[in-house]
Amino acid sequence: MPRLLVAPLSSLSDALAAHAPSHLVSLLSPEHMIDTPAGFPAAMHLRLGVNDIVDPAAGTAPPARQHIDTLLEFSRSWDTSQPLLIHCWAGISRSMASAFTILCDRLGPDREIEIARAMRQRAPHAQPNRLLVQHADDALGRKGKMIAALNSMGPPLIVEEGTTTTFPLVGL
């Protein structure tokens, strides 16, 4: 079944072993970026050095439109025969925003609220980074629908770290 996986960094090795993804996306602060895991093809590992901030003026390496453009280009090369695994430090914000972006791109317009609510149901801890989602909304021409969908999710369960979560591309 075609699916996206979201995991925290601490569960990356287990998720790689358990799910054998064909594609891997790492979203970590530039100073904490990891090397491609041993045995994983480097060409199938997208490394985005970005801090988890929502105000571009609040720090260095904020999420930018180029991060979303690169993520979309990479994810569109994924043939869905094996999972695509996305991780950030905690599996709560940057990785969930990236999963939301890819799901919105793959499933098409006017499904943003459905996708956001399915995300909340599968990942009560999800708190997608709003700046990444804003850039994705612009890149996909959704005219604010992706941000409005985040608002429909309700508050997240507050945790220090998320768990590995599966998002199917069919039967969301």
N, C-alpha and C. Protein backbone atom coordinates (compact mmCIF):
# COMPACT_ATOMS: atom_id res chain seq x y z
N MET A 1 0.85 -1.18 0.00
CA MET A 1 0.00 0.00 0.00
C MET A 1 0.90 1.25 0.00
N PRO A 2 0.66 2.20 -0.90
CA PRO A 2 1.45 3.44 -0.91
C PRO A 2 1.24 4.22 0.38
N ARG A 3 2.36 4.60 1.02
CA ARG A 3 2.22 5.31 2.28
C ARG A 3 3.43 6.17 2.60
N LEU A 4 3.15 7.22 3.36
CA LEU A 4 4.17 8.07 3.95
C LEU A 4 4.33 7.65 5.39
N LEU A 5 5.53 7.77 5.90
CA LEU A 5 5.80 7.53 7.31
C LEU A 5 6.45 8.77 7.88
N VAL A 6 6.09 9.11 9.11
CA VAL A 6 6.72 10.22 9.82
C VAL A 6 7.26 9.66 11.12
N ALA A 7 8.51 10.01 11.43
CA ALA A 7 9.15 9.49 12.64
C ALA A 7 10.04 10.56 13.26
N PRO A 8 10.30 10.44 14.57
CA PRO A 8 11.32 11.28 15.18
C PRO A 8 12.70 10.70 14.87
N LEU A 9 13.73 11.50 15.02
CA LEU A 9 15.09 11.05 14.76
C LEU A 9 15.44 9.82 15.60
N SER A 10 14.98 9.78 16.83
CA SER A 10 15.33 8.66 17.72
C SER A 10 14.79 7.32 17.23
N SER A 11 13.77 7.34 16.37
CA SER A 11 13.18 6.11 15.83
C SER A 11 13.60 5.83 14.39
N LEU A 12 14.50 6.62 13.85
CA LEU A 12 14.85 6.50 12.44
C LEU A 12 15.38 5.11 12.09
N SER A 13 16.33 4.61 12.84
CA SER A 13 16.91 3.29 12.52
C SER A 13 15.85 2.21 12.55
N ASP A 14 14.99 2.22 13.55
CA ASP A 14 13.92 1.23 13.65
C ASP A 14 12.95 1.35 12.47
N ALA A 15 12.60 2.58 12.10
CA ALA A 15 11.66 2.79 11.00
C ALA A 15 12.26 2.33 9.67
N LEU A 16 13.54 2.60 9.47
CA LEU A 16 14.21 2.14 8.25
C LEU A 16 14.19 0.61 8.17
N ALA A 17 14.50 -0.03 9.28
CA ALA A 17 14.53 -1.51 9.30
C ALA A 17 13.14 -2.11 9.14
N ALA A 18 12.16 -1.53 9.80
CA ALA A 18 10.81 -2.11 9.79
C ALA A 18 10.05 -1.86 8.50
N HIS A 19 10.30 -0.74 7.83
CA HIS A 19 9.45 -0.34 6.69
C HIS A 19 10.17 -0.32 5.34
N ALA A 20 11.49 -0.41 5.33
CA ALA A 20 12.27 -0.43 4.09
C ALA A 20 11.83 0.63 3.08
N PRO A 21 11.87 1.90 3.46
CA PRO A 21 11.44 2.94 2.52
C PRO A 21 12.43 3.08 1.35
N SER A 22 11.90 3.58 0.25
CA SER A 22 12.76 3.84 -0.91
C SER A 22 13.31 5.27 -0.87
N HIS A 23 12.60 6.16 -0.18
CA HIS A 23 12.97 7.57 -0.10
C HIS A 23 12.99 8.01 1.36
N LEU A 24 13.91 8.90 1.68
CA LEU A 24 14.07 9.40 3.04
C LEU A 24 14.23 10.92 3.00
N VAL A 25 13.50 11.61 3.86
CA VAL A 25 13.62 13.07 3.98
C VAL A 25 14.01 13.38 5.43
N SER A 26 15.11 14.10 5.60
CA SER A 26 15.57 14.56 6.90
C SER A 26 15.41 16.07 6.97
N LEU A 27 14.69 16.54 7.97
CA LEU A 27 14.54 17.98 8.20
C LEU A 27 15.09 18.28 9.59
N LEU A 28 16.31 18.74 9.63
CA LEU A 28 16.98 19.02 10.89
C LEU A 28 17.68 20.37 10.80
N SER A 29 17.98 20.93 11.94
CA SER A 29 18.78 22.15 11.96
C SER A 29 20.09 21.88 11.24
N PRO A 30 20.60 22.85 10.50
CA PRO A 30 21.84 22.61 9.75
C PRO A 30 22.96 22.03 10.61
N GLU A 31 23.09 22.49 11.83
CA GLU A 31 24.18 22.02 12.69
C GLU A 31 23.95 20.61 13.24
N HIS A 32 22.73 20.08 13.09
CA HIS A 32 22.42 18.73 13.56
C HIS A 32 22.10 17.76 12.43
N MET A 33 22.35 18.18 11.19
CA MET A 33 22.03 17.32 10.05
C MET A 33 22.82 16.02 10.10
N ILE A 34 22.14 14.95 9.79
CA ILE A 34 22.77 13.63 9.81
C ILE A 34 23.30 13.26 8.43
N ASP A 35 24.23 12.32 8.42
CA ASP A 35 24.68 11.72 7.17
C ASP A 35 23.62 10.73 6.71
N THR A 36 23.69 10.34 5.47
CA THR A 36 22.78 9.30 4.97
C THR A 36 23.08 8.01 5.74
N PRO A 37 22.02 7.36 6.26
CA PRO A 37 22.24 6.12 7.02
C PRO A 37 22.96 5.07 6.17
N ALA A 38 23.80 4.30 6.84
CA ALA A 38 24.57 3.25 6.16
C ALA A 38 23.63 2.32 5.40
N GLY A 39 23.99 2.04 4.16
CA GLY A 39 23.21 1.14 3.34
C GLY A 39 22.04 1.78 2.61
N PHE A 40 21.73 3.04 2.91
CA PHE A 40 20.64 3.74 2.22
C PHE A 40 21.24 4.52 1.06
N PRO A 41 20.61 4.47 -0.12
CA PRO A 41 21.18 5.20 -1.27
C PRO A 41 21.14 6.71 -1.06
N ALA A 42 22.29 7.35 -1.16
CA ALA A 42 22.39 8.79 -0.93
C ALA A 42 21.49 9.59 -1.86
N ALA A 43 21.28 9.13 -3.09
CA ALA A 43 20.45 9.85 -4.05
C ALA A 43 18.97 9.84 -3.65
N MET A 44 18.60 8.94 -2.77
CA MET A 44 17.21 8.83 -2.31
C MET A 44 17.01 9.45 -0.94
N HIS A 45 18.00 10.21 -0.47
CA HIS A 45 17.94 10.87 0.83
C HIS A 45 18.01 12.37 0.63
N LEU A 46 16.89 13.04 0.89
CA LEU A 46 16.83 14.50 0.82
C LEU A 46 17.11 15.06 2.21
N ARG A 47 18.11 15.91 2.29
CA ARG A 47 18.51 16.51 3.56
C ARG A 47 18.23 18.01 3.48
N LEU A 48 17.26 18.46 4.27
CA LEU A 48 16.89 19.88 4.30
C LEU A 48 17.30 20.48 5.64
N GLY A 49 18.31 21.33 5.61
CA GLY A 49 18.79 21.99 6.82
C GLY A 49 17.91 23.19 7.11
N VAL A 50 16.99 23.01 8.05
CA VAL A 50 16.01 24.05 8.37
C VAL A 50 15.67 23.98 9.86
N ASN A 51 15.62 25.14 10.48
CA ASN A 51 15.22 25.18 11.89
C ASN A 51 13.71 25.18 12.02
N ASP A 52 13.23 24.72 13.14
CA ASP A 52 11.79 24.65 13.40
C ASP A 52 11.31 25.96 13.99
N ILE A 53 11.21 26.97 13.14
CA ILE A 53 10.72 28.28 13.57
C ILE A 53 9.60 28.70 12.62
N VAL A 54 8.70 29.53 13.11
CA VAL A 54 7.58 29.97 12.29
C VAL A 54 7.67 31.44 11.91
N ASP A 55 8.61 32.16 12.50
CA ASP A 55 8.84 33.57 12.16
C ASP A 55 10.21 33.66 11.52
N PRO A 56 10.27 34.00 10.23
CA PRO A 56 11.56 34.05 9.54
C PRO A 56 12.58 34.96 10.21
N ALA A 57 12.13 35.93 10.97
CA ALA A 57 13.06 36.85 11.63
C ALA A 57 13.53 36.32 12.98
N ALA A 58 12.99 35.18 13.41
CA ALA A 58 13.26 34.69 14.76
C ALA A 58 14.55 33.90 14.89
N GLY A 59 15.23 33.62 13.82
CA GLY A 59 16.46 32.86 13.94
C GLY A 59 17.08 32.56 12.59
N THR A 60 18.08 31.71 12.62
CA THR A 60 18.77 31.35 11.40
C THR A 60 18.12 30.13 10.77
N ALA A 61 18.31 29.95 9.49
CA ALA A 61 17.82 28.82 8.70
C ALA A 61 16.31 28.60 8.86
N PRO A 62 15.49 29.64 8.66
CA PRO A 62 14.04 29.44 8.73
C PRO A 62 13.54 28.67 7.52
N PRO A 63 12.39 28.02 7.64
CA PRO A 63 11.79 27.38 6.47
C PRO A 63 11.60 28.42 5.35
N ALA A 64 11.94 28.03 4.14
CA ALA A 64 11.83 28.93 2.99
C ALA A 64 11.13 28.23 1.84
N ARG A 65 10.69 29.01 0.89
CA ARG A 65 10.00 28.45 -0.28
C ARG A 65 10.88 27.43 -0.99
N GLN A 66 12.19 27.67 -1.05
CA GLN A 66 13.07 26.74 -1.75
C GLN A 66 13.05 25.36 -1.09
N HIS A 67 12.85 25.30 0.23
CA HIS A 67 12.76 24.00 0.91
C HIS A 67 11.55 23.22 0.41
N ILE A 68 10.43 23.92 0.26
CA ILE A 68 9.21 23.27 -0.22
C ILE A 68 9.36 22.87 -1.69
N ASP A 69 9.93 23.75 -2.49
CA ASP A 69 10.12 23.41 -3.90
C ASP A 69 10.99 22.16 -4.05
N THR A 70 12.04 22.09 -3.25
CA THR A 70 12.93 20.92 -3.28
C THR A 70 12.21 19.68 -2.79
N LEU A 71 11.44 19.81 -1.71
CA LEU A 71 10.66 18.69 -1.18
C LEU A 71 9.67 18.17 -2.21
N LEU A 72 8.96 19.07 -2.86
CA LEU A 72 7.97 18.65 -3.86
C LEU A 72 8.65 17.95 -5.04
N GLU A 73 9.75 18.49 -5.52
CA GLU A 73 10.46 17.86 -6.64
C GLU A 73 10.91 16.45 -6.23
N PHE A 74 11.47 16.32 -5.05
CA PHE A 74 11.94 15.02 -4.57
C PHE A 74 10.78 14.03 -4.41
N SER A 75 9.70 14.48 -3.79
CA SER A 75 8.57 13.58 -3.53
C SER A 75 7.87 13.16 -4.82
N ARG A 76 7.91 14.00 -5.82
CA ARG A 76 7.29 13.64 -7.10
C ARG A 76 8.09 12.58 -7.85
N SER A 77 9.33 12.35 -7.44
CA SER A 77 10.12 11.28 -8.04
C SER A 77 9.84 9.93 -7.37
N TRP A 78 9.10 9.94 -6.30
CA TRP A 78 8.76 8.73 -5.54
C TRP A 78 7.65 7.98 -6.27
N ASP A 79 7.90 6.70 -6.59
CA ASP A 79 6.91 5.92 -7.35
C ASP A 79 5.89 5.20 -6.45
N THR A 80 5.97 5.33 -5.16
CA THR A 80 5.05 4.80 -4.14
C THR A 80 5.10 3.28 -3.98
N SER A 81 6.01 2.58 -4.65
CA SER A 81 6.07 1.13 -4.49
C SER A 81 6.60 0.73 -3.12
N GLN A 82 7.38 1.61 -2.50
CA GLN A 82 7.86 1.44 -1.13
C GLN A 82 7.55 2.74 -0.41
N PRO A 83 7.52 2.71 0.93
CA PRO A 83 7.19 3.93 1.66
C PRO A 83 8.21 5.06 1.46
N LEU A 84 7.76 6.26 1.71
CA LEU A 84 8.62 7.43 1.82
C LEU A 84 8.63 7.78 3.30
N LEU A 85 9.80 7.88 3.90
CA LEU A 85 9.96 8.16 5.33
C LEU A 85 10.46 9.58 5.53
N ILE A 86 9.77 10.32 6.37
CA ILE A 86 10.13 11.71 6.69
C ILE A 86 10.42 11.77 8.18
N HIS A 87 11.51 12.43 8.55
CA HIS A 87 11.77 12.61 9.97
C HIS A 87 12.32 14.00 10.22
N CYS A 88 12.12 14.45 11.44
CA CYS A 88 12.77 15.64 11.96
C CYS A 88 13.25 15.27 13.35
N TRP A 89 13.55 16.23 14.19
CA TRP A 89 14.07 15.91 15.51
C TRP A 89 13.04 15.16 16.35
N ALA A 90 11.80 15.69 16.43
CA ALA A 90 10.78 15.10 17.30
C ALA A 90 9.64 14.41 16.56
N GLY A 91 9.56 14.58 15.24
CA GLY A 91 8.46 13.96 14.50
C GLY A 91 7.13 14.63 14.74
N ILE A 92 7.17 15.93 15.02
CA ILE A 92 5.95 16.66 15.39
C ILE A 92 5.65 17.82 14.43
N SER A 93 6.66 18.59 14.06
CA SER A 93 6.42 19.85 13.37
C SER A 93 6.92 19.87 11.92
N ARG A 94 8.23 19.88 11.71
CA ARG A 94 8.76 19.97 10.34
C ARG A 94 8.37 18.76 9.50
N SER A 95 8.49 17.57 10.09
CA SER A 95 8.16 16.35 9.33
C SER A 95 6.67 16.25 9.07
N MET A 96 5.84 16.67 10.02
CA MET A 96 4.39 16.63 9.80
C MET A 96 3.98 17.66 8.74
N ALA A 97 4.62 18.83 8.73
CA ALA A 97 4.33 19.82 7.69
C ALA A 97 4.71 19.26 6.32
N SER A 98 5.81 18.54 6.25
CA SER A 98 6.26 17.95 4.99
C SER A 98 5.31 16.85 4.54
N ALA A 99 4.87 16.02 5.47
CA ALA A 99 3.90 14.97 5.13
C ALA A 99 2.59 15.60 4.64
N PHE A 100 2.13 16.63 5.34
CA PHE A 100 0.90 17.33 4.94
C PHE A 100 1.06 17.90 3.53
N THR A 101 2.21 18.48 3.24
CA THR A 101 2.49 19.03 1.92
C THR A 101 2.43 17.96 0.84
N ILE A 102 3.10 16.84 1.07
CA ILE A 102 3.13 15.77 0.07
C ILE A 102 1.74 15.17 -0.11
N LEU A 103 1.01 14.98 0.99
CA LEU A 103 -0.35 14.44 0.87
C LEU A 103 -1.24 15.40 0.09
N CYS A 104 -1.15 16.69 0.36
CA CYS A 104 -1.96 17.67 -0.38
C CYS A 104 -1.60 17.66 -1.86
N ASP A 105 -0.31 17.54 -2.16
CA ASP A 105 0.13 17.50 -3.55
C ASP A 105 -0.38 16.23 -4.23
N ARG A 106 -0.21 15.10 -3.60
CA ARG A 106 -0.58 13.82 -4.21
C ARG A 106 -2.10 13.62 -4.33
N LEU A 107 -2.84 14.07 -3.31
CA LEU A 107 -4.29 13.82 -3.29
C LEU A 107 -5.09 14.90 -4.00
N GLY A 108 -4.45 16.04 -4.27
CA GLY A 108 -5.10 17.07 -5.07
C GLY A 108 -5.81 18.13 -4.26
N PRO A 109 -6.22 19.20 -4.95
CA PRO A 109 -6.87 20.33 -4.28
C PRO A 109 -8.22 19.97 -3.69
N ASP A 110 -8.64 20.80 -2.75
CA ASP A 110 -9.94 20.71 -2.09
C ASP A 110 -10.06 19.53 -1.14
N ARG A 111 -8.94 18.94 -0.77
CA ARG A 111 -8.94 17.85 0.22
C ARG A 111 -8.13 18.22 1.46
N GLU A 112 -7.76 19.48 1.55
CA GLU A 112 -6.87 19.94 2.62
C GLU A 112 -7.43 19.66 4.01
N ILE A 113 -8.71 19.98 4.23
CA ILE A 113 -9.32 19.77 5.55
C ILE A 113 -9.42 18.28 5.84
N GLU A 114 -9.81 17.50 4.87
CA GLU A 114 -9.86 16.04 5.05
C GLU A 114 -8.49 15.49 5.44
N ILE A 115 -7.44 15.96 4.79
CA ILE A 115 -6.09 15.50 5.07
C ILE A 115 -5.67 15.94 6.47
N ALA A 116 -5.93 17.19 6.82
CA ALA A 116 -5.56 17.70 8.15
C ALA A 116 -6.27 16.93 9.25
N ARG A 117 -7.53 16.64 9.07
CA ARG A 117 -8.28 15.90 10.10
C ARG A 117 -7.81 14.46 10.20
N ALA A 118 -7.47 13.85 9.07
CA ALA A 118 -6.91 12.49 9.10
C ALA A 118 -5.56 12.50 9.81
N MET A 119 -4.79 13.56 9.59
CA MET A 119 -3.51 13.69 10.27
C MET A 119 -3.71 13.77 11.78
N ARG A 120 -4.67 14.58 12.20
CA ARG A 120 -4.93 14.71 13.64
C ARG A 120 -5.38 13.37 14.23
N GLN A 121 -6.21 12.64 13.49
CA GLN A 121 -6.68 11.35 13.99
C GLN A 121 -5.53 10.34 14.12
N ARG A 122 -4.66 10.29 13.14
CA ARG A 122 -3.56 9.33 13.15
C ARG A 122 -2.40 9.79 14.04
N ALA A 123 -2.25 11.09 14.19
CA ALA A 123 -1.12 11.66 14.95
C ALA A 123 -1.63 12.78 15.84
N PRO A 124 -2.20 12.44 17.00
CA PRO A 124 -2.72 13.49 17.89
C PRO A 124 -1.65 14.52 18.27
N HIS A 125 -0.39 14.14 18.17
CA HIS A 125 0.72 15.01 18.54
C HIS A 125 1.16 15.95 17.40
N ALA A 126 0.63 15.76 16.21
CA ALA A 126 1.07 16.55 15.05
C ALA A 126 0.81 18.04 15.26
N GLN A 127 1.83 18.82 14.98
CA GLN A 127 1.72 20.28 15.01
C GLN A 127 2.55 20.81 13.84
N PRO A 128 2.02 20.65 12.60
CA PRO A 128 2.80 21.01 11.41
C PRO A 128 3.31 22.45 11.46
N ASN A 129 4.58 22.60 11.11
CA ASN A 129 5.21 23.92 11.08
C ASN A 129 4.44 24.82 10.11
N ARG A 130 3.90 25.90 10.64
CA ARG A 130 3.01 26.76 9.86
C ARG A 130 3.74 27.52 8.76
N LEU A 131 5.00 27.84 8.96
CA LEU A 131 5.74 28.56 7.92
C LEU A 131 6.02 27.62 6.74
N LEU A 132 6.39 26.38 7.01
CA LEU A 132 6.55 25.42 5.92
C LEU A 132 5.23 25.24 5.17
N VAL A 133 4.13 25.12 5.92
CA VAL A 133 2.82 24.94 5.29
C VAL A 133 2.43 26.17 4.49
N GLN A 134 2.75 27.36 4.98
CA GLN A 134 2.44 28.58 4.21
C GLN A 134 3.18 28.58 2.88
N HIS A 135 4.45 28.19 2.91
CA HIS A 135 5.21 28.11 1.66
C HIS A 135 4.62 27.04 0.73
N ALA A 136 4.18 25.93 1.31
CA ALA A 136 3.56 24.87 0.50
C ALA A 136 2.24 25.34 -0.10
N ASP A 137 1.46 26.06 0.69
CA ASP A 137 0.19 26.60 0.21
C ASP A 137 0.44 27.50 -1.01
N ASP A 138 1.46 28.33 -0.91
CA ASP A 138 1.82 29.20 -2.04
C ASP A 138 2.30 28.38 -3.24
N ALA A 139 3.19 27.42 -2.98
CA ALA A 139 3.76 26.62 -4.07
C ALA A 139 2.69 25.82 -4.81
N LEU A 140 1.71 25.33 -4.07
CA LEU A 140 0.66 24.51 -4.67
C LEU A 140 -0.55 25.33 -5.13
N GLY A 141 -0.51 26.64 -4.92
CA GLY A 141 -1.60 27.52 -5.35
C GLY A 141 -2.91 27.25 -4.63
N ARG A 142 -2.83 26.96 -3.33
CA ARG A 142 -4.04 26.60 -2.58
C ARG A 142 -4.76 27.80 -1.97
N LYS A 143 -4.23 28.98 -2.11
CA LYS A 143 -4.90 30.23 -1.71
C LYS A 143 -5.39 30.22 -0.27
N GLY A 144 -4.54 29.75 0.63
CA GLY A 144 -4.86 29.77 2.06
C GLY A 144 -5.57 28.54 2.58
N LYS A 145 -5.94 27.62 1.71
CA LYS A 145 -6.69 26.43 2.15
C LYS A 145 -5.87 25.51 3.04
N MET A 146 -4.58 25.46 2.83
CA MET A 146 -3.76 24.57 3.67
C MET A 146 -3.63 25.13 5.08
N ILE A 147 -3.46 26.43 5.20
CA ILE A 147 -3.40 27.05 6.53
C ILE A 147 -4.76 26.94 7.21
N ALA A 148 -5.84 27.17 6.49
CA ALA A 148 -7.19 27.02 7.07
C ALA A 148 -7.40 25.58 7.55
N ALA A 149 -6.88 24.63 6.81
CA ALA A 149 -7.01 23.22 7.21
C ALA A 149 -6.27 22.97 8.52
N LEU A 150 -5.09 23.56 8.68
CA LEU A 150 -4.38 23.41 9.96
C LEU A 150 -5.22 23.94 11.10
N ASN A 151 -5.90 25.05 10.87
CA ASN A 151 -6.75 25.64 11.91
C ASN A 151 -7.90 24.71 12.29
N SER A 152 -8.31 23.84 11.36
CA SER A 152 -9.42 22.93 11.63
C SER A 152 -8.99 21.69 12.43
N MET A 153 -7.69 21.51 12.60
CA MET A 153 -7.19 20.32 13.28
C MET A 153 -7.45 20.33 14.78
N GLY A 154 -7.56 21.49 15.36
CA GLY A 154 -7.66 21.57 16.81
C GLY A 154 -6.28 21.44 17.43
N PRO A 155 -6.21 21.61 18.74
CA PRO A 155 -4.91 21.60 19.41
C PRO A 155 -4.29 20.20 19.43
N PRO A 156 -2.95 20.16 19.39
CA PRO A 156 -2.27 18.86 19.43
C PRO A 156 -2.14 18.35 20.87
N LEU A 157 -1.92 17.07 20.98
CA LEU A 157 -1.53 16.47 22.24
C LEU A 157 -0.08 16.88 22.47
N ILE A 158 0.21 17.46 23.60
CA ILE A 158 1.55 17.95 23.87
C ILE A 158 2.43 16.79 24.35
N VAL A 159 3.45 16.51 23.56
CA VAL A 159 4.41 15.46 23.88
C VAL A 159 5.81 15.99 23.56
N GLU A 160 6.82 15.35 24.12
CA GLU A 160 8.19 15.75 23.81
C GLU A 160 8.63 15.20 22.46
N GLU A 161 8.05 14.05 22.10
CA GLU A 161 8.46 13.38 20.87
C GLU A 161 7.28 12.58 20.34
N GLY A 162 7.12 12.60 19.02
CA GLY A 162 6.07 11.83 18.39
C GLY A 162 6.46 10.37 18.25
N THR A 163 5.53 9.60 17.72
CA THR A 163 5.79 8.20 17.42
C THR A 163 5.74 8.03 15.91
N THR A 164 6.31 6.95 15.41
CA THR A 164 6.25 6.69 13.98
C THR A 164 4.79 6.53 13.56
N THR A 165 4.39 7.30 12.58
CA THR A 165 3.00 7.37 12.15
C THR A 165 2.92 7.11 10.65
N THR A 166 1.92 6.32 10.26
CA THR A 166 1.71 5.98 8.85
C THR A 166 0.55 6.77 8.27
N PHE A 167 0.75 7.30 7.06
CA PHE A 167 -0.30 7.99 6.32
C PHE A 167 -0.45 7.34 4.95
N PRO A 168 -1.53 6.58 4.75
CA PRO A 168 -1.73 5.94 3.44
C PRO A 168 -2.13 6.98 2.38
N LEU A 169 -1.77 6.72 1.14
CA LEU A 169 -2.18 7.61 0.06
C LEU A 169 -3.57 7.27 -0.46
N VAL A 170 -4.10 6.13 -0.05
CA VAL A 170 -5.47 5.74 -0.40
C VAL A 170 -6.18 5.41 0.90
N GLY A 171 -7.46 5.73 0.97
CA GLY A 171 -8.23 5.42 2.18
C GLY A 171 -7.75 6.18 3.38
N LEU A 172 -7.37 7.45 3.15
CA LEU A 172 -6.83 8.29 4.22
C LEU A 172 -7.79 8.30 5.38
